[in-house]
Amino acid sequence: TVGGLPSADPVHYRPVIPDVVVEIEADQTGPREYGRFRHRPR
């Protein structure tokens, strides 16, 4: 549900220390349904 639709496969990743800030462009002001962004931000 974080990486896609509710029935989507899990997303595997390697965690990093969260000390880098990036600017994103999203089609909504914050996470909504299922506690996530509806469309993937850029």
PDB file of all heavy atoms in Angstrom:
ATOM      1  N   THR A   1       0.820  -1.217   0.000  1.00  0.00           N
ATOM      2  CA  THR A   1       0.000   0.000   0.000  1.00  0.00           C
ATOM      3  C   THR A   1       0.848   1.259   0.000  1.00  0.00           C
ATOM      4  O   THR A   1       0.383   2.310  -0.397  1.00  0.00           O
ATOM      5  CB  THR A   1      -0.936   0.036   1.223  1.00  0.00           C
ATOM      6  OG1 THR A   1      -0.167  -0.118   2.401  1.00  0.00           O
ATOM      7  CG2 THR A   1      -1.992  -1.026   1.125  1.00  0.00           C
ATOM      8  N   VAL A   2       2.110   1.175   0.430  1.00  0.00           N
ATOM      9  CA  VAL A   2       2.987   2.343   0.407  1.00  0.00           C
ATOM     10  C   VAL A   2       3.523   2.573  -0.996  1.00  0.00           C
ATOM     11  O   VAL A   2       3.635   3.696  -1.465  1.00  0.00           O
ATOM     12  CB  VAL A   2       4.148   2.184   1.417  1.00  0.00           C
ATOM     13  CG1 VAL A   2       5.143   3.319   1.281  1.00  0.00           C
ATOM     14  CG2 VAL A   2       3.599   2.137   2.833  1.00  0.00           C
ATOM     15  N   GLY A   3       3.852   1.503  -1.695  1.00  0.00           N
ATOM     16  CA  GLY A   3       4.444   1.632  -3.013  1.00  0.00           C
ATOM     17  C   GLY A   3       3.480   1.519  -4.172  1.00  0.00           C
ATOM     18  O   GLY A   3       3.860   1.694  -5.314  1.00  0.00           O
ATOM     19  N   GLY A   4       2.230   1.226  -3.903  1.00  0.00           N
ATOM     20  CA  GLY A   4       1.292   1.051  -5.003  1.00  0.00           C
ATOM     21  C   GLY A   4      -0.114   0.821  -4.499  1.00  0.00           C
ATOM     22  O   GLY A   4      -0.524   1.383  -3.498  1.00  0.00           O
ATOM     23  N   LEU A   5      -0.819  -0.050  -5.158  1.00  0.00           N
ATOM     24  CA  LEU A   5      -2.204  -0.354  -4.796  1.00  0.00           C
ATOM     25  C   LEU A   5      -2.245  -1.267  -3.576  1.00  0.00           C
ATOM     26  O   LEU A   5      -1.260  -1.930  -3.253  1.00  0.00           O
ATOM     27  CB  LEU A   5      -2.900  -1.020  -5.986  1.00  0.00           C
ATOM     28  CG  LEU A   5      -2.977  -0.163  -7.252  1.00  0.00           C
ATOM     29  CD1 LEU A   5      -3.514  -0.988  -8.408  1.00  0.00           C
ATOM     30  CD2 LEU A   5      -3.823   1.066  -7.014  1.00  0.00           C
ATOM     31  N   PRO A   6      -3.387  -1.318  -2.885  1.00  0.00           N
ATOM     32  CA  PRO A   6      -3.479  -2.143  -1.686  1.00  0.00           C
ATOM     33  C   PRO A   6      -3.053  -3.597  -1.875  1.00  0.00           C
ATOM     34  O   PRO A   6      -2.546  -4.212  -0.973  1.00  0.00           O
ATOM     35  CB  PRO A   6      -4.957  -2.040  -1.308  1.00  0.00           C
ATOM     36  CG  PRO A   6      -5.382  -0.730  -1.850  1.00  0.00           C
ATOM     37  CD  PRO A   6      -4.608  -0.549  -3.131  1.00  0.00           C
ATOM     38  N   SER A   7      -3.232  -4.158  -3.055  1.00  0.00           N
ATOM     39  CA  SER A   7      -2.844  -5.552  -3.284  1.00  0.00           C
ATOM     40  C   SER A   7      -1.463  -5.683  -3.927  1.00  0.00           C
ATOM     41  O   SER A   7      -1.064  -6.777  -4.321  1.00  0.00           O
ATOM     42  CB  SER A   7      -3.884  -6.231  -4.173  1.00  0.00           C
ATOM     43  OG  SER A   7      -3.949  -5.567  -5.427  1.00  0.00           O
ATOM     44  N   ALA A   8      -0.721  -4.581  -4.026  1.00  0.00           N
ATOM     45  CA  ALA A   8       0.594  -4.606  -4.674  1.00  0.00           C
ATOM     46  C   ALA A   8       1.599  -5.395  -3.842  1.00  0.00           C
ATOM     47  O   ALA A   8       1.469  -5.538  -2.630  1.00  0.00           O
ATOM     48  CB  ALA A   8       1.100  -3.187  -4.882  1.00  0.00           C
ATOM     49  N   ASP A   9       2.616  -5.902  -4.522  1.00  0.00           N
ATOM     50  CA  ASP A   9       3.698  -6.605  -3.833  1.00  0.00           C
ATOM     51  C   ASP A   9       4.461  -5.633  -2.940  1.00  0.00           C
ATOM     52  O   ASP A   9       4.512  -4.429  -3.215  1.00  0.00           O
ATOM     53  CB  ASP A   9       4.671  -7.209  -4.854  1.00  0.00           C
ATOM     54  CG  ASP A   9       4.063  -8.363  -5.628  1.00  0.00           C
ATOM     55  OD1 ASP A   9       3.130  -9.010  -5.106  1.00  0.00           O
ATOM     56  OD2 ASP A   9       4.527  -8.607  -6.759  1.00  0.00           O
ATOM     57  N   PRO A  10       5.099  -6.145  -1.878  1.00  0.00           N
ATOM     58  CA  PRO A  10       5.905  -5.282  -1.018  1.00  0.00           C
ATOM     59  C   PRO A  10       7.059  -4.654  -1.802  1.00  0.00           C
ATOM     60  O   PRO A  10       7.502  -5.185  -2.822  1.00  0.00           O
ATOM     61  CB  PRO A  10       6.445  -6.233   0.045  1.00  0.00           C
ATOM     62  CG  PRO A  10       5.613  -7.458  -0.039  1.00  0.00           C
ATOM     63  CD  PRO A  10       5.084  -7.523  -1.439  1.00  0.00           C
ATOM     64  N   VAL A  11       7.541  -3.516  -1.324  1.00  0.00           N
ATOM     65  CA  VAL A  11       8.674  -2.813  -1.924  1.00  0.00           C
ATOM     66  C   VAL A  11       9.896  -3.085  -1.048  1.00  0.00           C
ATOM     67  O   VAL A  11       9.875  -2.805   0.150  1.00  0.00           O
ATOM     68  CB  VAL A  11       8.407  -1.289  -1.995  1.00  0.00           C
ATOM     69  CG1 VAL A  11       9.623  -0.556  -2.512  1.00  0.00           C
ATOM     70  CG2 VAL A  11       7.181  -1.015  -2.855  1.00  0.00           C
ATOM     71  N   HIS A  12      10.939  -3.645  -1.634  1.00  0.00           N
ATOM     72  CA  HIS A  12      12.166  -3.942  -0.894  1.00  0.00           C
ATOM     73  C   HIS A  12      13.130  -2.779  -1.070  1.00  0.00           C
ATOM     74  O   HIS A  12      13.241  -2.214  -2.158  1.00  0.00           O
ATOM     75  CB  HIS A  12      12.793  -5.241  -1.410  1.00  0.00           C
ATOM     76  CG  HIS A  12      11.869  -6.408  -1.280  1.00  0.00           C
ATOM     77  ND1 HIS A  12      11.746  -7.129  -0.118  1.00  0.00           N
ATOM     78  CD2 HIS A  12      10.984  -6.952  -2.146  1.00  0.00           C
ATOM     79  CE1 HIS A  12      10.843  -8.074  -0.278  1.00  0.00           C
ATOM     80  NE2 HIS A  12      10.367  -7.989  -1.513  1.00  0.00           N
ATOM     81  N   TYR A  13      13.835  -2.425   0.005  1.00  0.00           N
ATOM     82  CA  TYR A  13      14.770  -1.302  -0.059  1.00  0.00           C
ATOM     83  C   TYR A  13      15.852  -1.454   1.005  1.00  0.00           C
ATOM     84  O   TYR A  13      15.744  -2.281   1.904  1.00  0.00           O
ATOM     85  CB  TYR A  13      14.026   0.022   0.127  1.00  0.00           C
ATOM     86  CG  TYR A  13      13.516   0.255   1.533  1.00  0.00           C
ATOM     87  CD1 TYR A  13      14.203   1.104   2.396  1.00  0.00           C
ATOM     88  CD2 TYR A  13      12.373  -0.368   1.996  1.00  0.00           C
ATOM     89  CE1 TYR A  13      13.751   1.307   3.694  1.00  0.00           C
ATOM     90  CE2 TYR A  13      11.915  -0.160   3.276  1.00  0.00           C
ATOM     91  CZ  TYR A  13      12.607   0.674   4.128  1.00  0.00           C
ATOM     92  OH  TYR A  13      12.164   0.877   5.400  1.00  0.00           O
ATOM     93  N   ARG A  14      16.894  -0.666   0.888  1.00  0.00           N
ATOM     94  CA  ARG A  14      17.959  -0.623   1.887  1.00  0.00           C
ATOM     95  C   ARG A  14      17.823   0.687   2.649  1.00  0.00           C
ATOM     96  O   ARG A  14      17.965   1.754   2.062  1.00  0.00           O
ATOM     97  CB  ARG A  14      19.329  -0.715   1.241  1.00  0.00           C
ATOM     98  CG  ARG A  14      20.447  -0.791   2.259  1.00  0.00           C
ATOM     99  CD  ARG A  14      21.772  -1.157   1.648  1.00  0.00           C
ATOM    100  NE  ARG A  14      21.715  -2.372   0.872  1.00  0.00           N
ATOM    101  CZ  ARG A  14      21.916  -3.608   1.366  1.00  0.00           C
ATOM    102  NH1 ARG A  14      22.173  -3.768   2.634  1.00  0.00           N
ATOM    103  NH2 ARG A  14      21.860  -4.653   0.581  1.00  0.00           N
ATOM    104  N   PRO A  15      17.514   0.634   3.954  1.00  0.00           N
ATOM    105  CA  PRO A  15      17.333   1.866   4.733  1.00  0.00           C
ATOM    106  C   PRO A  15      18.605   2.716   4.781  1.00  0.00           C
ATOM    107  O   PRO A  15      19.720   2.191   4.790  1.00  0.00           O
ATOM    108  CB  PRO A  15      16.985   1.358   6.128  1.00  0.00           C
ATOM    109  CG  PRO A  15      16.533  -0.056   5.941  1.00  0.00           C
ATOM    110  CD  PRO A  15      17.279  -0.565   4.745  1.00  0.00           C
ATOM    111  N   VAL A  16      18.405   4.018   4.795  1.00  0.00           N
ATOM    112  CA  VAL A  16      19.507   4.967   4.945  1.00  0.00           C
ATOM    113  C   VAL A  16      19.218   5.859   6.150  1.00  0.00           C
ATOM    114  O   VAL A  16      18.082   5.974   6.609  1.00  0.00           O
ATOM    115  CB  VAL A  16      19.711   5.835   3.680  1.00  0.00           C
ATOM    116  CG1 VAL A  16      20.126   4.979   2.494  1.00  0.00           C
ATOM    117  CG2 VAL A  16      18.469   6.641   3.368  1.00  0.00           C
ATOM    118  N   ILE A  17      20.245   6.492   6.666  1.00  0.00           N
ATOM    119  CA  ILE A  17      20.091   7.438   7.769  1.00  0.00           C
ATOM    120  C   ILE A  17      19.323   8.641   7.228  1.00  0.00           C
ATOM    121  O   ILE A  17      19.723   9.222   6.219  1.00  0.00           O
ATOM    122  CB  ILE A  17      21.462   7.838   8.335  1.00  0.00           C
ATOM    123  CG1 ILE A  17      22.133   6.593   8.923  1.00  0.00           C
ATOM    124  CG2 ILE A  17      21.317   8.941   9.379  1.00  0.00           C
ATOM    125  CD1 ILE A  17      23.579   6.781   9.308  1.00  0.00           C
ATOM    126  N   PRO A  18      18.215   9.013   7.858  1.00  0.00           N
ATOM    127  CA  PRO A  18      17.353  10.078   7.308  1.00  0.00           C
ATOM    128  C   PRO A  18      17.851  11.479   7.631  1.00  0.00           C
ATOM    129  O   PRO A  18      17.256  12.218   8.410  1.00  0.00           O
ATOM    130  CB  PRO A  18      16.002   9.788   7.981  1.00  0.00           C
ATOM    131  CG  PRO A  18      16.375   9.191   9.290  1.00  0.00           C
ATOM    132  CD  PRO A  18      17.623   8.389   9.036  1.00  0.00           C
ATOM    133  N   ASP A  19      18.975  11.860   7.014  1.00  0.00           N
ATOM    134  CA  ASP A  19      19.519  13.190   7.283  1.00  0.00           C
ATOM    135  C   ASP A  19      19.692  14.030   6.017  1.00  0.00           C
ATOM    136  O   ASP A  19      20.317  15.077   6.052  1.00  0.00           O
ATOM    137  CB  ASP A  19      20.834  13.092   8.050  1.00  0.00           C
ATOM    138  CG  ASP A  19      21.908  12.307   7.310  1.00  0.00           C
ATOM    139  OD1 ASP A  19      21.625  11.780   6.218  1.00  0.00           O
ATOM    140  OD2 ASP A  19      23.033  12.221   7.829  1.00  0.00           O
ATOM    141  N   VAL A  20      19.116  13.587   4.915  1.00  0.00           N
ATOM    142  CA  VAL A  20      19.167  14.336   3.654  1.00  0.00           C
ATOM    143  C   VAL A  20      17.749  14.795   3.330  1.00  0.00           C
ATOM    144  O   VAL A  20      16.807  14.011   3.408  1.00  0.00           O
ATOM    145  CB  VAL A  20      19.715  13.463   2.501  1.00  0.00           C
ATOM    146  CG1 VAL A  20      19.686  14.217   1.190  1.00  0.00           C
ATOM    147  CG2 VAL A  20      21.126  12.984   2.820  1.00  0.00           C
ATOM    148  N   VAL A  21      17.604  16.069   2.980  1.00  0.00           N
ATOM    149  CA  VAL A  21      16.295  16.629   2.640  1.00  0.00           C
ATOM    150  C   VAL A  21      16.221  16.812   1.130  1.00  0.00           C
ATOM    151  O   VAL A  21      17.155  17.315   0.516  1.00  0.00           O
ATOM    152  CB  VAL A  21      16.070  17.991   3.347  1.00  0.00           C
ATOM    153  CG1 VAL A  21      14.756  18.620   2.929  1.00  0.00           C
ATOM    154  CG2 VAL A  21      16.140  17.819   4.855  1.00  0.00           C
ATOM    155  N   VAL A  22      15.108  16.382   0.546  1.00  0.00           N
ATOM    156  CA  VAL A  22      14.869  16.595  -0.880  1.00  0.00           C
ATOM    157  C   VAL A  22      13.541  17.323  -1.055  1.00  0.00           C
ATOM    158  O   VAL A  22      12.648  17.230  -0.216  1.00  0.00           O
ATOM    159  CB  VAL A  22      14.860  15.281  -1.695  1.00  0.00           C
ATOM    160  CG1 VAL A  22      16.210  14.590  -1.639  1.00  0.00           C
ATOM    161  CG2 VAL A  22      13.758  14.349  -1.244  1.00  0.00           C
ATOM    162  N   GLU A  23      13.426  18.045  -2.138  1.00  0.00           N
ATOM    163  CA  GLU A  23      12.171  18.710  -2.500  1.00  0.00           C
ATOM    164  C   GLU A  23      11.423  17.794  -3.450  1.00  0.00           C
ATOM    165  O   GLU A  23      12.012  17.253  -4.388  1.00  0.00           O
ATOM    166  CB  GLU A  23      12.482  20.036  -3.178  1.00  0.00           C
ATOM    167  CG  GLU A  23      11.277  20.842  -3.564  1.00  0.00           C
ATOM    168  CD  GLU A  23      11.653  22.181  -4.166  1.00  0.00           C
ATOM    169  OE1 GLU A  23      12.761  22.687  -3.908  1.00  0.00           O
ATOM    170  OE2 GLU A  23      10.820  22.710  -4.921  1.00  0.00           O
ATOM    171  N   ILE A  24      10.128  17.608  -3.183  1.00  0.00           N
ATOM    172  CA  ILE A  24       9.322  16.749  -4.045  1.00  0.00           C
ATOM    173  C   ILE A  24       8.177  17.537  -4.661  1.00  0.00           C
ATOM    174  O   ILE A  24       7.812  18.609  -4.186  1.00  0.00           O
ATOM    175  CB  ILE A  24       8.747  15.535  -3.287  1.00  0.00           C
ATOM    176  CG1 ILE A  24       7.749  15.978  -2.210  1.00  0.00           C
ATOM    177  CG2 ILE A  24       9.850  14.663  -2.720  1.00  0.00           C
ATOM    178  CD1 ILE A  24       6.929  14.846  -1.631  1.00  0.00           C
ATOM    179  N   GLU A  25       7.620  16.969  -5.716  1.00  0.00           N
ATOM    180  CA  GLU A  25       6.406  17.487  -6.342  1.00  0.00           C
ATOM    181  C   GLU A  25       5.371  16.368  -6.246  1.00  0.00           C
ATOM    182  O   GLU A  25       5.622  15.246  -6.679  1.00  0.00           O
ATOM    183  CB  GLU A  25       6.685  17.831  -7.800  1.00  0.00           C
ATOM    184  CG  GLU A  25       5.480  18.299  -8.570  1.00  0.00           C
ATOM    185  CD  GLU A  25       5.845  18.584 -10.015  1.00  0.00           C
ATOM    186  OE1 GLU A  25       6.283  17.654 -10.715  1.00  0.00           O
ATOM    187  OE2 GLU A  25       5.700  19.744 -10.410  1.00  0.00           O
ATOM    188  N   ALA A  26       4.228  16.689  -5.617  1.00  0.00           N
ATOM    189  CA  ALA A  26       3.175  15.695  -5.452  1.00  0.00           C
ATOM    190  C   ALA A  26       1.845  16.303  -5.869  1.00  0.00           C
ATOM    191  O   ALA A  26       1.687  17.523  -5.880  1.00  0.00           O
ATOM    192  CB  ALA A  26       3.122  15.228  -3.999  1.00  0.00           C
ATOM    193  N   ASP A  27       0.892  15.437  -6.175  1.00  0.00           N
ATOM    194  CA  ASP A  27      -0.410  15.929  -6.621  1.00  0.00           C
ATOM    195  C   ASP A  27      -1.391  16.132  -5.473  1.00  0.00           C
ATOM    196  O   ASP A  27      -2.571  16.339  -5.692  1.00  0.00           O
ATOM    197  CB  ASP A  27      -1.003  15.010  -7.683  1.00  0.00           C
ATOM    198  CG  ASP A  27      -1.279  13.607  -7.180  1.00  0.00           C
ATOM    199  OD1 ASP A  27      -0.903  13.297  -6.029  1.00  0.00           O
ATOM    200  OD2 ASP A  27      -1.862  12.816  -7.931  1.00  0.00           O
ATOM    201  N   GLN A  28      -0.907  16.074  -4.247  1.00  0.00           N
ATOM    202  CA  GLN A  28      -1.734  16.365  -3.075  1.00  0.00           C
ATOM    203  C   GLN A  28      -0.829  16.915  -1.976  1.00  0.00           C
ATOM    204  O   GLN A  28       0.381  16.783  -2.047  1.00  0.00           O
ATOM    205  CB  GLN A  28      -2.490  15.115  -2.623  1.00  0.00           C
ATOM    206  CG  GLN A  28      -1.590  13.954  -2.275  1.00  0.00           C
ATOM    207  CD  GLN A  28      -2.345  12.651  -2.143  1.00  0.00           C
ATOM    208  OE1 GLN A  28      -2.827  12.113  -3.119  1.00  0.00           O
ATOM    209  NE2 GLN A  28      -2.427  12.148  -0.947  1.00  0.00           N
ATOM    210  N   THR A  29      -1.415  17.543  -0.967  1.00  0.00           N
ATOM    211  CA  THR A  29      -0.619  18.223   0.059  1.00  0.00           C
ATOM    212  C   THR A  29      -0.010  17.282   1.080  1.00  0.00           C
ATOM    213  O   THR A  29       0.890  17.666   1.802  1.00  0.00           O
ATOM    214  CB  THR A  29      -1.462  19.272   0.796  1.00  0.00           C
ATOM    215  OG1 THR A  29      -2.601  18.614   1.366  1.00  0.00           O
ATOM    216  CG2 THR A  29      -1.909  20.374  -0.150  1.00  0.00           C
ATOM    217  N   GLY A  30      -0.485  16.077   1.157  1.00  0.00           N
ATOM    218  CA  GLY A  30       0.062  15.117   2.111  1.00  0.00           C
ATOM    219  C   GLY A  30      -0.539  13.753   1.899  1.00  0.00           C
ATOM    220  O   GLY A  30      -1.450  13.579   1.091  1.00  0.00           O
ATOM    221  N   PRO A  31      -0.033  12.746   2.623  1.00  0.00           N
ATOM    222  CA  PRO A  31      -0.554  11.403   2.471  1.00  0.00           C
ATOM    223  C   PRO A  31      -2.035  11.345   2.849  1.00  0.00           C
ATOM    224  O   PRO A  31      -2.467  11.992   3.788  1.00  0.00           O
ATOM    225  CB  PRO A  31       0.291  10.561   3.418  1.00  0.00           C
ATOM    226  CG  PRO A  31       1.153  11.478   4.163  1.00  0.00           C
ATOM    227  CD  PRO A  31       1.007  12.845   3.618  1.00  0.00           C
ATOM    228  N   ARG A  32      -2.810  10.591   2.114  1.00  0.00           N
ATOM    229  CA  ARG A  32      -4.247  10.493   2.363  1.00  0.00           C
ATOM    230  C   ARG A  32      -4.664   9.020   2.536  1.00  0.00           C
ATOM    231  O   ARG A  32      -4.464   8.455   3.576  1.00  0.00           O
ATOM    232  CB  ARG A  32      -5.031  11.098   1.198  1.00  0.00           C
ATOM    233  CG  ARG A  32      -4.782  12.574   1.008  1.00  0.00           C
ATOM    234  CD  ARG A  32      -5.808  13.382   1.802  1.00  0.00           C
ATOM    235  NE  ARG A  32      -5.838  14.783   1.427  1.00  0.00           N
ATOM    236  CZ  ARG A  32      -4.978  15.691   1.844  1.00  0.00           C
ATOM    237  NH1 ARG A  32      -4.003  15.369   2.619  1.00  0.00           N
ATOM    238  NH2 ARG A  32      -5.084  16.945   1.461  1.00  0.00           N
ATOM    239  N   GLU A  33      -5.201   8.439   1.471  1.00  0.00           N
ATOM    240  CA  GLU A  33      -5.748   7.085   1.585  1.00  0.00           C
ATOM    241  C   GLU A  33      -4.657   6.075   1.923  1.00  0.00           C
ATOM    242  O   GLU A  33      -3.541   6.152   1.422  1.00  0.00           O
ATOM    243  CB  GLU A  33      -6.482   6.684   0.310  1.00  0.00           C
ATOM    244  CG  GLU A  33      -5.595   6.634  -0.908  1.00  0.00           C
ATOM    245  CD  GLU A  33      -6.358   6.312  -2.167  1.00  0.00           C
ATOM    246  OE1 GLU A  33      -7.552   6.630  -2.261  1.00  0.00           O
ATOM    247  OE2 GLU A  33      -5.742   5.735  -3.066  1.00  0.00           O
ATOM    248  N   TYR A  34      -4.976   5.169   2.804  1.00  0.00           N
ATOM    249  CA  TYR A  34      -4.045   4.153   3.299  1.00  0.00           C
ATOM    250  C   TYR A  34      -2.801   4.782   3.924  1.00  0.00           C
ATOM    251  O   TYR A  34      -1.765   4.141   4.034  1.00  0.00           O
ATOM    252  CB  TYR A  34      -3.643   3.164   2.199  1.00  0.00           C
ATOM    253  CG  TYR A  34      -4.810   2.481   1.553  1.00  0.00           C
ATOM    254  CD1 TYR A  34      -5.226   2.856   0.277  1.00  0.00           C
ATOM    255  CD2 TYR A  34      -5.506   1.483   2.223  1.00  0.00           C
ATOM    256  CE1 TYR A  34      -6.315   2.234  -0.316  1.00  0.00           C
ATOM    257  CE2 TYR A  34      -6.597   0.868   1.632  1.00  0.00           C
ATOM    258  CZ  TYR A  34      -7.001   1.243   0.372  1.00  0.00           C
ATOM    259  OH  TYR A  34      -8.070   0.638  -0.215  1.00  0.00           O
ATOM    260  N   GLY A  35      -2.854   6.068   4.292  1.00  0.00           N
ATOM    261  CA  GLY A  35      -1.717   6.737   4.908  1.00  0.00           C
ATOM    262  C   GLY A  35      -0.553   6.951   3.965  1.00  0.00           C
ATOM    263  O   GLY A  35       0.586   7.033   4.379  1.00  0.00           O
ATOM    264  N   ARG A  36      -0.847   7.068   2.677  1.00  0.00           N
ATOM    265  CA  ARG A  36       0.225   7.239   1.688  1.00  0.00           C
ATOM    266  C   ARG A  36      -0.213   8.243   0.633  1.00  0.00           C
ATOM    267  O   ARG A  36      -1.372   8.639   0.566  1.00  0.00           O
ATOM    268  CB  ARG A  36       0.543   5.905   1.010  1.00  0.00           C
ATOM    269  CG  ARG A  36      -0.637   5.392   0.178  1.00  0.00           C
ATOM    270  CD  ARG A  36      -0.209   4.293  -0.761  1.00  0.00           C
ATOM    271  NE  ARG A  36      -1.295   3.688  -1.459  1.00  0.00           N
ATOM    272  CZ  ARG A  36      -1.863   4.182  -2.575  1.00  0.00           C
ATOM    273  NH1 ARG A  36      -1.448   5.294  -3.087  1.00  0.00           N
ATOM    274  NH2 ARG A  36      -2.846   3.544  -3.160  1.00  0.00           N
ATOM    275  N   PHE A  37       0.743   8.647  -0.205  1.00  0.00           N
ATOM    276  CA  PHE A  37       0.408   9.482  -1.355  1.00  0.00           C
ATOM    277  C   PHE A  37      -0.319   8.619  -2.374  1.00  0.00           C
ATOM    278  O   PHE A  37       0.053   7.465  -2.595  1.00  0.00           O
ATOM    279  CB  PHE A  37       1.665  10.073  -2.000  1.00  0.00           C
ATOM    280  CG  PHE A  37       2.246  11.214  -1.234  1.00  0.00           C
ATOM    281  CD1 PHE A  37       3.352  11.045  -0.419  1.00  0.00           C
ATOM    282  CD2 PHE A  37       1.687  12.480  -1.319  1.00  0.00           C
ATOM    283  CE1 PHE A  37       3.880  12.096   0.281  1.00  0.00           C
ATOM    284  CE2 PHE A  37       2.204  13.543  -0.620  1.00  0.00           C
ATOM    285  CZ  PHE A  37       3.308  13.350   0.188  1.00  0.00           C
ATOM    286  N   ARG A  38      -1.343   9.163  -3.006  1.00  0.00           N
ATOM    287  CA  ARG A  38      -2.106   8.401  -4.008  1.00  0.00           C
ATOM    288  C   ARG A  38      -1.247   8.099  -5.233  1.00  0.00           C
ATOM    289  O   ARG A  38      -1.250   6.995  -5.765  1.00  0.00           O
ATOM    290  CB  ARG A  38      -3.356   9.174  -4.417  1.00  0.00           C
ATOM    291  CG  ARG A  38      -4.198   8.445  -5.435  1.00  0.00           C
ATOM    292  CD  ARG A  38      -5.488   9.213  -5.705  1.00  0.00           C
ATOM    293  NE  ARG A  38      -6.229   8.615  -6.787  1.00  0.00           N
ATOM    294  CZ  ARG A  38      -7.117   7.649  -6.627  1.00  0.00           C
ATOM    295  NH1 ARG A  38      -7.383   7.190  -5.429  1.00  0.00           N
ATOM    296  NH2 ARG A  38      -7.754   7.156  -7.665  1.00  0.00           N
ATOM    297  N   HIS A  39      -0.519   9.101  -5.701  1.00  0.00           N
ATOM    298  CA  HIS A  39       0.399   8.923  -6.838  1.00  0.00           C
ATOM    299  C   HIS A  39       1.812   9.183  -6.354  1.00  0.00           C
ATOM    300  O   HIS A  39       2.034   9.984  -5.458  1.00  0.00           O
ATOM    301  CB  HIS A  39       0.033   9.887  -7.977  1.00  0.00           C
ATOM    302  CG  HIS A  39      -1.346   9.663  -8.487  1.00  0.00           C
ATOM    303  ND1 HIS A  39      -2.367  10.544  -8.265  1.00  0.00           N
ATOM    304  CD2 HIS A  39      -1.883   8.629  -9.196  1.00  0.00           C
ATOM    305  CE1 HIS A  39      -3.478  10.086  -8.814  1.00  0.00           C
ATOM    306  NE2 HIS A  39      -3.210   8.923  -9.376  1.00  0.00           N
ATOM    307  N   ARG A  40       2.753   8.521  -6.980  1.00  0.00           N
ATOM    308  CA  ARG A  40       4.144   8.632  -6.550  1.00  0.00           C
ATOM    309  C   ARG A  40       4.677  10.040  -6.782  1.00  0.00           C
ATOM    310  O   ARG A  40       4.557  10.576  -7.882  1.00  0.00           O
ATOM    311  CB  ARG A  40       4.980   7.595  -7.291  1.00  0.00           C
ATOM    312  CG  ARG A  40       4.569   6.183  -6.874  1.00  0.00           C
ATOM    313  CD  ARG A  40       5.040   5.127  -7.809  1.00  0.00           C
ATOM    314  NE  ARG A  40       6.475   5.124  -7.993  1.00  0.00           N
ATOM    315  CZ  ARG A  40       7.115   4.265  -8.770  1.00  0.00           C
ATOM    316  NH1 ARG A  40       6.449   3.351  -9.424  1.00  0.00           N
ATOM    317  NH2 ARG A  40       8.406   4.332  -8.901  1.00  0.00           N
ATOM    318  N   PRO A  41       5.271  10.654  -5.752  1.00  0.00           N
ATOM    319  CA  PRO A  41       5.835  11.996  -5.926  1.00  0.00           C
ATOM    320  C   PRO A  41       7.137  11.941  -6.737  1.00  0.00           C
ATOM    321  O   PRO A  41       7.791  10.903  -6.820  1.00  0.00           O
ATOM    322  CB  PRO A  41       6.097  12.473  -4.498  1.00  0.00           C
ATOM    323  CG  PRO A  41       6.133  11.248  -3.671  1.00  0.00           C
ATOM    324  CD  PRO A  41       5.347  10.193  -4.376  1.00  0.00           C
ATOM    325  N   ARG A  42       7.488  13.069  -7.311  1.00  0.00           N
ATOM    326  CA  ARG A  42       8.719  13.206  -8.087  1.00  0.00           C
ATOM    327  C   ARG A  42       9.727  13.977  -7.239  1.00  0.00           C
ATOM    328  O   ARG A  42       9.401  15.025  -6.683  1.00  0.00           O
ATOM    329  CB  ARG A  42       8.433  13.979  -9.372  1.00  0.00           C
ATOM    330  CG  ARG A  42       9.646  14.203 -10.263  1.00  0.00           C
ATOM    331  CD  ARG A  42       9.296  14.980 -11.528  1.00  0.00           C
ATOM    332  NE  ARG A  42       8.106  14.476 -12.199  1.00  0.00           N
ATOM    333  CZ  ARG A  42       8.062  13.403 -12.992  1.00  0.00           C
ATOM    334  NH1 ARG A  42       9.142  12.712 -13.213  1.00  0.00           N
ATOM    335  NH2 ARG A  42       6.928  13.034 -13.548  1.00  0.00           N
TER     336      ARG A  42
END
